[in-house]
Amino acid sequence: MLRAISLFCVLFATWLLLSGHGEPLLIGLGAGSCLVVVLIARRMEIIDHEGHPFQLTTWRVPLFWAWLFWEILKAAWDVSRRCVSPGPPIDPRVIRVPVSQKTDLGMVTYANSITLTPGTISMRTFRNEIEVHALTGGAADDLESGAMDRFVTKVEGLQ
């Protein structure tokens, strides 16, 4: 029940932000439509721990986004530099990095974070590791150090 109430609050807050209407009738219709969506979702039994994860609603998520954005900028700079200058060569390789996440959502977050970072692509996931194509040895070394894995595990909140 708590997940349904939380989902309603998130949906209604989103509706309020996107609608731009403040008339009582329209606010009531918006709340009603959000309630109908929650009731349908509850009847379909799709309001679960992965569909609406409470553990990701902490202060860690914005911190993770900022950290990931910084990692993306650093990797984009490195890849751009390698594209325009003849000096630093690429050294493509396929590696397997261990995974410490406990849930499928955590593993997907980690795999997507790897893919969002320029120069690395998650190719396949296994139960305890992710197969990654890295454009350079430095990118592979960064992943093998486990910093991103530890950060995603902290955000997952199940340590």
N, C-alpha and C. Protein backbone atom coordinates (compact mmCIF):
# COMPACT_ATOMS: atom_id res chain seq x y z
N MET A 1 0.81 -1.20 0.00
CA MET A 1 0.00 0.00 0.00
C MET A 1 0.86 1.27 0.00
N LEU A 2 1.99 1.18 0.74
CA LEU A 2 2.88 2.34 0.81
C LEU A 2 3.47 2.67 -0.56
N ARG A 3 3.78 1.63 -1.35
CA ARG A 3 4.31 1.86 -2.70
C ARG A 3 3.25 2.51 -3.59
N ALA A 4 2.00 2.14 -3.43
CA ALA A 4 0.93 2.73 -4.23
C ALA A 4 0.75 4.21 -3.88
N ILE A 5 0.80 4.54 -2.60
CA ILE A 5 0.68 5.94 -2.17
C ILE A 5 1.86 6.74 -2.70
N SER A 6 3.05 6.18 -2.59
CA SER A 6 4.25 6.85 -3.09
C SER A 6 4.17 7.05 -4.61
N LEU A 7 3.70 6.04 -5.33
CA LEU A 7 3.55 6.17 -6.78
C LEU A 7 2.55 7.27 -7.12
N PHE A 8 1.43 7.33 -6.38
CA PHE A 8 0.46 8.39 -6.62
C PHE A 8 1.10 9.76 -6.41
N CYS A 9 1.85 9.91 -5.33
CA CYS A 9 2.50 11.20 -5.04
C CYS A 9 3.47 11.60 -6.14
N VAL A 10 4.25 10.65 -6.62
CA VAL A 10 5.21 10.94 -7.69
C VAL A 10 4.47 11.30 -8.97
N LEU A 11 3.45 10.55 -9.32
CA LEU A 11 2.68 10.84 -10.54
C LEU A 11 1.99 12.20 -10.45
N PHE A 12 1.39 12.49 -9.29
CA PHE A 12 0.67 13.75 -9.16
C PHE A 12 1.63 14.94 -9.15
N ALA A 13 2.77 14.78 -8.49
CA ALA A 13 3.77 15.86 -8.50
C ALA A 13 4.27 16.11 -9.92
N THR A 14 4.50 15.05 -10.67
CA THR A 14 4.91 15.20 -12.07
C THR A 14 3.82 15.87 -12.88
N TRP A 15 2.58 15.48 -12.65
CA TRP A 15 1.47 16.09 -13.38
C TRP A 15 1.40 17.59 -13.07
N LEU A 16 1.53 17.94 -11.80
CA LEU A 16 1.48 19.36 -11.42
C LEU A 16 2.60 20.16 -12.08
N LEU A 17 3.80 19.60 -12.09
CA LEU A 17 4.94 20.30 -12.69
C LEU A 17 4.77 20.47 -14.20
N LEU A 18 4.24 19.46 -14.86
CA LEU A 18 4.15 19.51 -16.32
C LEU A 18 2.89 20.21 -16.83
N SER A 19 1.82 20.23 -16.03
CA SER A 19 0.56 20.80 -16.54
C SER A 19 0.57 22.32 -16.52
N GLY A 20 1.05 22.91 -15.46
CA GLY A 20 1.04 24.36 -15.36
C GLY A 20 -0.33 24.94 -15.05
N HIS A 21 -1.28 24.09 -14.66
CA HIS A 21 -2.64 24.56 -14.34
C HIS A 21 -2.84 24.58 -12.83
N GLY A 22 -3.57 25.59 -12.36
CA GLY A 22 -3.84 25.71 -10.93
C GLY A 22 -5.30 25.78 -10.60
N GLU A 23 -6.17 25.63 -11.60
CA GLU A 23 -7.61 25.68 -11.33
C GLU A 23 -8.03 24.43 -10.57
N PRO A 24 -8.93 24.58 -9.61
CA PRO A 24 -9.35 23.43 -8.79
C PRO A 24 -9.91 22.27 -9.61
N LEU A 25 -10.69 22.57 -10.65
CA LEU A 25 -11.26 21.49 -11.46
C LEU A 25 -10.16 20.69 -12.15
N LEU A 26 -9.20 21.38 -12.75
CA LEU A 26 -8.13 20.68 -13.46
C LEU A 26 -7.21 19.92 -12.50
N ILE A 27 -6.98 20.50 -11.32
CA ILE A 27 -6.17 19.78 -10.33
C ILE A 27 -6.90 18.52 -9.88
N GLY A 28 -8.20 18.62 -9.67
CA GLY A 28 -9.00 17.44 -9.31
C GLY A 28 -9.00 16.39 -10.40
N LEU A 29 -9.12 16.81 -11.65
CA LEU A 29 -9.07 15.85 -12.76
C LEU A 29 -7.69 15.20 -12.88
N GLY A 30 -6.65 15.98 -12.63
CA GLY A 30 -5.30 15.42 -12.65
C GLY A 30 -5.10 14.41 -11.55
N ALA A 31 -5.56 14.73 -10.35
CA ALA A 31 -5.46 13.79 -9.23
C ALA A 31 -6.27 12.53 -9.51
N GLY A 32 -7.45 12.71 -10.10
CA GLY A 32 -8.28 11.55 -10.45
C GLY A 32 -7.60 10.66 -11.48
N SER A 33 -6.98 11.26 -12.48
CA SER A 33 -6.31 10.45 -13.50
C SER A 33 -5.11 9.71 -12.89
N CYS A 34 -4.40 10.36 -11.98
CA CYS A 34 -3.28 9.69 -11.31
C CYS A 34 -3.78 8.53 -10.45
N LEU A 35 -4.92 8.73 -9.78
CA LEU A 35 -5.50 7.68 -8.97
C LEU A 35 -5.92 6.49 -9.83
N VAL A 36 -6.52 6.74 -10.98
CA VAL A 36 -6.91 5.66 -11.89
C VAL A 36 -5.68 4.88 -12.35
N VAL A 37 -4.60 5.58 -12.69
CA VAL A 37 -3.38 4.91 -13.12
C VAL A 37 -2.83 4.02 -12.00
N VAL A 38 -2.83 4.52 -10.77
CA VAL A 38 -2.33 3.72 -9.64
C VAL A 38 -3.22 2.51 -9.41
N LEU A 39 -4.53 2.68 -9.49
CA LEU A 39 -5.44 1.54 -9.31
C LEU A 39 -5.23 0.48 -10.39
N ILE A 40 -5.06 0.91 -11.63
CA ILE A 40 -4.79 -0.04 -12.72
C ILE A 40 -3.46 -0.75 -12.49
N ALA A 41 -2.44 0.00 -12.11
CA ALA A 41 -1.13 -0.59 -11.86
C ALA A 41 -1.19 -1.58 -10.70
N ARG A 42 -1.97 -1.25 -9.69
CA ARG A 42 -2.10 -2.16 -8.55
C ARG A 42 -2.84 -3.43 -8.93
N ARG A 43 -3.88 -3.28 -9.75
CA ARG A 43 -4.62 -4.46 -10.20
C ARG A 43 -3.76 -5.35 -11.09
N MET A 44 -2.87 -4.73 -11.86
CA MET A 44 -1.96 -5.50 -12.72
C MET A 44 -0.79 -6.08 -11.93
N GLU A 45 -0.68 -5.71 -10.65
CA GLU A 45 0.38 -6.17 -9.75
C GLU A 45 1.77 -5.81 -10.28
N ILE A 46 1.91 -4.57 -10.75
CA ILE A 46 3.22 -4.13 -11.24
C ILE A 46 3.86 -3.09 -10.32
N ILE A 47 3.25 -2.83 -9.20
CA ILE A 47 3.86 -1.93 -8.21
C ILE A 47 4.65 -2.83 -7.26
N ASP A 48 5.93 -3.01 -7.56
CA ASP A 48 6.77 -3.88 -6.75
C ASP A 48 8.08 -3.17 -6.43
N HIS A 49 9.01 -3.90 -5.84
CA HIS A 49 10.28 -3.31 -5.41
C HIS A 49 11.14 -2.85 -6.58
N GLU A 50 10.97 -3.41 -7.78
CA GLU A 50 11.76 -2.96 -8.92
C GLU A 50 11.04 -1.88 -9.72
N GLY A 51 9.72 -1.95 -9.74
CA GLY A 51 8.96 -0.94 -10.47
C GLY A 51 8.95 0.41 -9.78
N HIS A 52 9.07 0.40 -8.47
CA HIS A 52 9.09 1.64 -7.69
C HIS A 52 10.04 1.44 -6.50
N PRO A 53 11.35 1.51 -6.75
CA PRO A 53 12.32 1.19 -5.69
C PRO A 53 12.50 2.31 -4.69
N PHE A 54 12.13 2.07 -3.43
CA PHE A 54 12.31 3.06 -2.37
C PHE A 54 13.78 3.30 -2.05
N GLN A 55 14.59 2.24 -2.17
CA GLN A 55 15.99 2.39 -1.77
C GLN A 55 16.74 3.37 -2.64
N LEU A 56 16.20 3.73 -3.81
CA LEU A 56 16.86 4.69 -4.68
C LEU A 56 16.33 6.11 -4.49
N THR A 57 15.54 6.35 -3.48
CA THR A 57 14.99 7.68 -3.25
C THR A 57 15.74 8.39 -2.13
N THR A 58 17.04 8.24 -2.12
CA THR A 58 17.84 8.86 -1.07
C THR A 58 18.69 9.97 -1.67
N TRP A 59 19.48 10.59 -0.83
CA TRP A 59 20.39 11.65 -1.25
C TRP A 59 21.50 11.10 -2.12
N ARG A 60 21.68 9.77 -2.14
CA ARG A 60 22.78 9.18 -2.91
C ARG A 60 22.58 9.31 -4.42
N VAL A 61 21.35 9.33 -4.87
CA VAL A 61 21.08 9.34 -6.31
C VAL A 61 21.59 10.63 -6.97
N PRO A 62 21.27 11.83 -6.48
CA PRO A 62 21.84 13.02 -7.12
C PRO A 62 23.36 13.06 -7.04
N LEU A 63 23.92 12.56 -5.95
CA LEU A 63 25.37 12.48 -5.84
C LEU A 63 25.94 11.54 -6.90
N PHE A 64 25.26 10.40 -7.12
CA PHE A 64 25.69 9.45 -8.15
C PHE A 64 25.60 10.08 -9.54
N TRP A 65 24.51 10.82 -9.81
CA TRP A 65 24.37 11.46 -11.12
C TRP A 65 25.50 12.45 -11.36
N ALA A 66 25.84 13.23 -10.33
CA ALA A 66 26.93 14.19 -10.47
C ALA A 66 28.25 13.47 -10.71
N TRP A 67 28.50 12.42 -9.96
CA TRP A 67 29.73 11.65 -10.14
C TRP A 67 29.79 11.01 -11.53
N LEU A 68 28.66 10.42 -11.97
CA LEU A 68 28.63 9.80 -13.29
C LEU A 68 28.81 10.83 -14.39
N PHE A 69 28.23 12.01 -14.23
CA PHE A 69 28.40 13.08 -15.22
C PHE A 69 29.87 13.46 -15.33
N TRP A 70 30.55 13.56 -14.20
CA TRP A 70 31.98 13.89 -14.21
C TRP A 70 32.78 12.78 -14.90
N GLU A 71 32.45 11.52 -14.63
CA GLU A 71 33.13 10.41 -15.29
C GLU A 71 32.88 10.42 -16.80
N ILE A 72 31.67 10.77 -17.21
CA ILE A 72 31.35 10.86 -18.64
C ILE A 72 32.16 11.97 -19.28
N LEU A 73 32.27 13.11 -18.62
CA LEU A 73 33.07 14.21 -19.16
C LEU A 73 34.54 13.83 -19.31
N LYS A 74 35.10 13.19 -18.30
CA LYS A 74 36.50 12.77 -18.38
C LYS A 74 36.72 11.78 -19.52
N ALA A 75 35.84 10.80 -19.64
CA ALA A 75 35.98 9.79 -20.69
C ALA A 75 35.76 10.41 -22.07
N ALA A 76 34.81 11.33 -22.18
CA ALA A 76 34.56 11.98 -23.47
C ALA A 76 35.77 12.80 -23.90
N TRP A 77 36.41 13.47 -22.95
CA TRP A 77 37.62 14.23 -23.25
C TRP A 77 38.72 13.29 -23.75
N ASP A 78 38.89 12.16 -23.09
CA ASP A 78 39.92 11.20 -23.49
C ASP A 78 39.65 10.64 -24.89
N VAL A 79 38.42 10.26 -25.16
CA VAL A 79 38.09 9.71 -26.48
C VAL A 79 38.23 10.78 -27.55
N SER A 80 37.79 12.00 -27.28
CA SER A 80 37.92 13.09 -28.25
C SER A 80 39.39 13.37 -28.56
N ARG A 81 40.20 13.39 -27.53
CA ARG A 81 41.63 13.63 -27.70
C ARG A 81 42.27 12.54 -28.56
N ARG A 82 41.87 11.32 -28.37
CA ARG A 82 42.41 10.22 -29.16
C ARG A 82 41.94 10.27 -30.61
N CYS A 83 40.76 10.83 -30.83
CA CYS A 83 40.24 10.93 -32.21
C CYS A 83 40.94 12.01 -33.02
N VAL A 84 41.30 13.11 -32.41
CA VAL A 84 41.86 14.24 -33.17
C VAL A 84 43.38 14.29 -33.19
N SER A 85 44.04 13.61 -32.28
CA SER A 85 45.50 13.65 -32.28
C SER A 85 46.06 12.28 -32.61
N PRO A 86 47.13 12.25 -33.37
CA PRO A 86 47.69 10.96 -33.77
C PRO A 86 48.49 10.28 -32.66
N GLY A 87 48.79 10.99 -31.60
CA GLY A 87 49.68 10.47 -30.56
C GLY A 87 49.16 9.28 -29.77
N PRO A 88 48.17 9.48 -28.90
CA PRO A 88 47.76 8.37 -28.03
C PRO A 88 46.94 7.34 -28.81
N PRO A 89 47.44 6.12 -28.91
CA PRO A 89 46.71 5.11 -29.68
C PRO A 89 45.54 4.52 -28.89
N ILE A 90 44.68 3.87 -29.62
CA ILE A 90 43.63 3.11 -28.95
C ILE A 90 44.15 1.70 -28.73
N ASP A 91 43.61 1.06 -27.76
CA ASP A 91 44.03 -0.30 -27.42
C ASP A 91 42.77 -1.07 -27.02
N PRO A 92 41.93 -1.42 -28.01
CA PRO A 92 40.65 -2.05 -27.67
C PRO A 92 40.84 -3.42 -27.04
N ARG A 93 39.97 -3.71 -26.10
CA ARG A 93 40.01 -5.01 -25.45
C ARG A 93 38.65 -5.34 -24.87
N VAL A 94 38.41 -6.60 -24.67
CA VAL A 94 37.18 -7.09 -24.04
C VAL A 94 37.57 -7.64 -22.68
N ILE A 95 36.92 -7.15 -21.65
CA ILE A 95 37.21 -7.59 -20.29
C ILE A 95 35.92 -8.01 -19.60
N ARG A 96 36.07 -8.70 -18.50
CA ARG A 96 34.94 -9.03 -17.64
C ARG A 96 35.18 -8.39 -16.28
N VAL A 97 34.22 -7.57 -15.87
CA VAL A 97 34.35 -6.89 -14.57
C VAL A 97 33.40 -7.54 -13.58
N PRO A 98 33.85 -7.76 -12.35
CA PRO A 98 32.97 -8.36 -11.34
C PRO A 98 31.86 -7.40 -10.93
N VAL A 99 30.76 -7.98 -10.49
CA VAL A 99 29.58 -7.23 -10.09
C VAL A 99 29.29 -7.52 -8.63
N SER A 100 29.08 -6.47 -7.84
CA SER A 100 28.75 -6.67 -6.43
C SER A 100 27.30 -6.29 -6.11
N GLN A 101 26.52 -5.93 -7.12
CA GLN A 101 25.13 -5.55 -6.87
C GLN A 101 24.30 -6.79 -6.53
N LYS A 102 23.29 -6.58 -5.68
CA LYS A 102 22.46 -7.69 -5.22
C LYS A 102 21.16 -7.85 -6.02
N THR A 103 20.71 -6.78 -6.69
CA THR A 103 19.44 -6.84 -7.41
C THR A 103 19.66 -6.66 -8.90
N ASP A 104 18.66 -7.06 -9.67
CA ASP A 104 18.72 -6.85 -11.11
C ASP A 104 18.76 -5.37 -11.45
N LEU A 105 18.03 -4.56 -10.69
CA LEU A 105 18.03 -3.12 -10.92
C LEU A 105 19.43 -2.52 -10.71
N GLY A 106 20.13 -2.97 -9.69
CA GLY A 106 21.49 -2.51 -9.45
C GLY A 106 22.43 -2.91 -10.57
N MET A 107 22.28 -4.14 -11.05
CA MET A 107 23.13 -4.61 -12.14
C MET A 107 22.86 -3.84 -13.43
N VAL A 108 21.60 -3.56 -13.70
CA VAL A 108 21.24 -2.78 -14.89
C VAL A 108 21.79 -1.36 -14.78
N THR A 109 21.70 -0.79 -13.59
CA THR A 109 22.24 0.56 -13.37
C THR A 109 23.74 0.57 -13.64
N TYR A 110 24.44 -0.45 -13.16
CA TYR A 110 25.89 -0.54 -13.38
C TYR A 110 26.21 -0.72 -14.87
N ALA A 111 25.51 -1.63 -15.53
CA ALA A 111 25.77 -1.87 -16.95
C ALA A 111 25.46 -0.62 -17.78
N ASN A 112 24.39 0.08 -17.46
CA ASN A 112 24.05 1.30 -18.19
C ASN A 112 25.06 2.41 -17.91
N SER A 113 25.56 2.48 -16.69
CA SER A 113 26.58 3.48 -16.36
C SER A 113 27.86 3.23 -17.15
N ILE A 114 28.21 1.97 -17.32
CA ILE A 114 29.38 1.62 -18.13
C ILE A 114 29.16 2.06 -19.57
N THR A 115 27.98 1.77 -20.12
CA THR A 115 27.70 2.11 -21.51
C THR A 115 27.60 3.61 -21.73
N LEU A 116 27.10 4.35 -20.74
CA LEU A 116 27.01 5.80 -20.87
C LEU A 116 28.38 6.47 -20.91
N THR A 117 29.37 5.83 -20.33
CA THR A 117 30.71 6.40 -20.29
C THR A 117 31.37 6.16 -21.64
N PRO A 118 31.76 7.22 -22.37
CA PRO A 118 32.39 7.04 -23.68
C PRO A 118 33.64 6.17 -23.61
N GLY A 119 33.77 5.30 -24.59
CA GLY A 119 34.92 4.42 -24.66
C GLY A 119 34.68 3.05 -24.06
N THR A 120 33.52 2.83 -23.46
CA THR A 120 33.19 1.52 -22.90
C THR A 120 31.75 1.17 -23.25
N ILE A 121 31.54 -0.12 -23.51
CA ILE A 121 30.20 -0.61 -23.83
C ILE A 121 29.98 -1.93 -23.11
N SER A 122 28.87 -2.04 -22.39
CA SER A 122 28.51 -3.32 -21.78
C SER A 122 27.95 -4.21 -22.87
N MET A 123 28.57 -5.37 -23.05
CA MET A 123 28.14 -6.26 -24.13
C MET A 123 27.20 -7.36 -23.64
N ARG A 124 27.48 -7.90 -22.45
CA ARG A 124 26.68 -9.01 -21.96
C ARG A 124 26.78 -9.04 -20.44
N THR A 125 25.69 -9.41 -19.80
CA THR A 125 25.71 -9.54 -18.35
C THR A 125 25.61 -11.02 -17.97
N PHE A 126 26.32 -11.35 -16.93
CA PHE A 126 26.26 -12.67 -16.34
C PHE A 126 25.83 -12.49 -14.89
N ARG A 127 25.68 -13.54 -14.15
CA ARG A 127 25.21 -13.42 -12.77
C ARG A 127 26.19 -12.63 -11.90
N ASN A 128 27.49 -12.84 -12.10
CA ASN A 128 28.47 -12.21 -11.22
C ASN A 128 29.45 -11.29 -11.94
N GLU A 129 29.22 -11.03 -13.23
CA GLU A 129 30.14 -10.16 -13.97
C GLU A 129 29.47 -9.60 -15.21
N ILE A 130 30.11 -8.56 -15.76
CA ILE A 130 29.63 -7.92 -16.98
C ILE A 130 30.78 -7.94 -17.99
N GLU A 131 30.48 -8.35 -19.20
CA GLU A 131 31.47 -8.34 -20.28
C GLU A 131 31.44 -6.96 -20.93
N VAL A 132 32.61 -6.32 -21.01
CA VAL A 132 32.70 -4.93 -21.44
C VAL A 132 33.74 -4.82 -22.56
N HIS A 133 33.41 -4.03 -23.59
CA HIS A 133 34.39 -3.66 -24.60
C HIS A 133 34.91 -2.28 -24.22
N ALA A 134 36.23 -2.18 -24.04
CA ALA A 134 36.86 -0.91 -23.68
C ALA A 134 37.74 -0.46 -24.83
N LEU A 135 37.66 0.81 -25.17
CA LEU A 135 38.43 1.36 -26.28
C LEU A 135 39.91 1.50 -25.95
N THR A 136 40.22 1.72 -24.69
CA THR A 136 41.61 1.91 -24.29
C THR A 136 41.92 1.08 -23.05
N GLY A 137 43.21 0.90 -22.81
CA GLY A 137 43.63 0.20 -21.61
C GLY A 137 43.28 0.98 -20.36
N GLY A 138 43.34 2.31 -20.45
CA GLY A 138 42.99 3.14 -19.29
C GLY A 138 41.54 2.98 -18.88
N ALA A 139 40.65 2.91 -19.88
CA ALA A 139 39.23 2.71 -19.57
C ALA A 139 39.01 1.35 -18.94
N ALA A 140 39.71 0.34 -19.44
CA ALA A 140 39.60 -1.00 -18.86
C ALA A 140 40.13 -1.01 -17.43
N ASP A 141 41.26 -0.33 -17.20
CA ASP A 141 41.84 -0.28 -15.86
C ASP A 141 40.91 0.43 -14.88
N ASP A 142 40.25 1.51 -15.35
CA ASP A 142 39.31 2.23 -14.48
C ASP A 142 38.18 1.32 -14.03
N LEU A 143 37.64 0.51 -14.96
CA LEU A 143 36.55 -0.40 -14.61
C LEU A 143 37.05 -1.51 -13.69
N GLU A 144 38.24 -2.01 -13.97
CA GLU A 144 38.77 -3.10 -13.14
C GLU A 144 39.13 -2.63 -11.73
N SER A 145 39.32 -1.32 -11.55
CA SER A 145 39.60 -0.80 -10.21
C SER A 145 38.38 -0.94 -9.30
N GLY A 146 37.18 -0.98 -9.89
CA GLY A 146 35.97 -1.21 -9.12
C GLY A 146 35.32 0.01 -8.51
N ALA A 147 35.79 1.21 -8.86
CA ALA A 147 35.23 2.43 -8.26
C ALA A 147 33.76 2.60 -8.66
N MET A 148 33.44 2.41 -9.94
CA MET A 148 32.06 2.56 -10.39
C MET A 148 31.17 1.48 -9.76
N ASP A 149 31.68 0.27 -9.67
CA ASP A 149 30.93 -0.82 -9.06
C ASP A 149 30.58 -0.50 -7.61
N ARG A 150 31.56 0.00 -6.86
CA ARG A 150 31.30 0.34 -5.45
C ARG A 150 30.29 1.47 -5.33
N PHE A 151 30.39 2.46 -6.22
CA PHE A 151 29.47 3.60 -6.14
C PHE A 151 28.04 3.16 -6.45
N VAL A 152 27.87 2.33 -7.47
CA VAL A 152 26.52 1.85 -7.81
C VAL A 152 25.97 0.98 -6.68
N THR A 153 26.81 0.19 -6.04
CA THR A 153 26.36 -0.64 -4.93
C THR A 153 25.91 0.24 -3.76
N LYS A 154 26.61 1.35 -3.50
CA LYS A 154 26.17 2.27 -2.45
C LYS A 154 24.82 2.88 -2.78
N VAL A 155 24.63 3.26 -4.05
CA VAL A 155 23.35 3.85 -4.48
C VAL A 155 22.24 2.83 -4.37
N GLU A 156 22.56 1.58 -4.67
CA GLU A 156 21.56 0.51 -4.58
C GLU A 156 21.01 0.40 -3.17
N GLY A 157 21.83 0.71 -2.18
CA GLY A 157 21.36 0.78 -0.80
C GLY A 157 21.17 -0.54 -0.11
N LEU A 158 21.72 -1.61 -0.63
CA LEU A 158 21.52 -2.93 0.00
C LEU A 158 22.81 -3.51 0.52
N GLN A 159 23.75 -2.66 0.92
CA GLN A 159 25.03 -3.18 1.43
C GLN A 159 24.87 -3.77 2.79
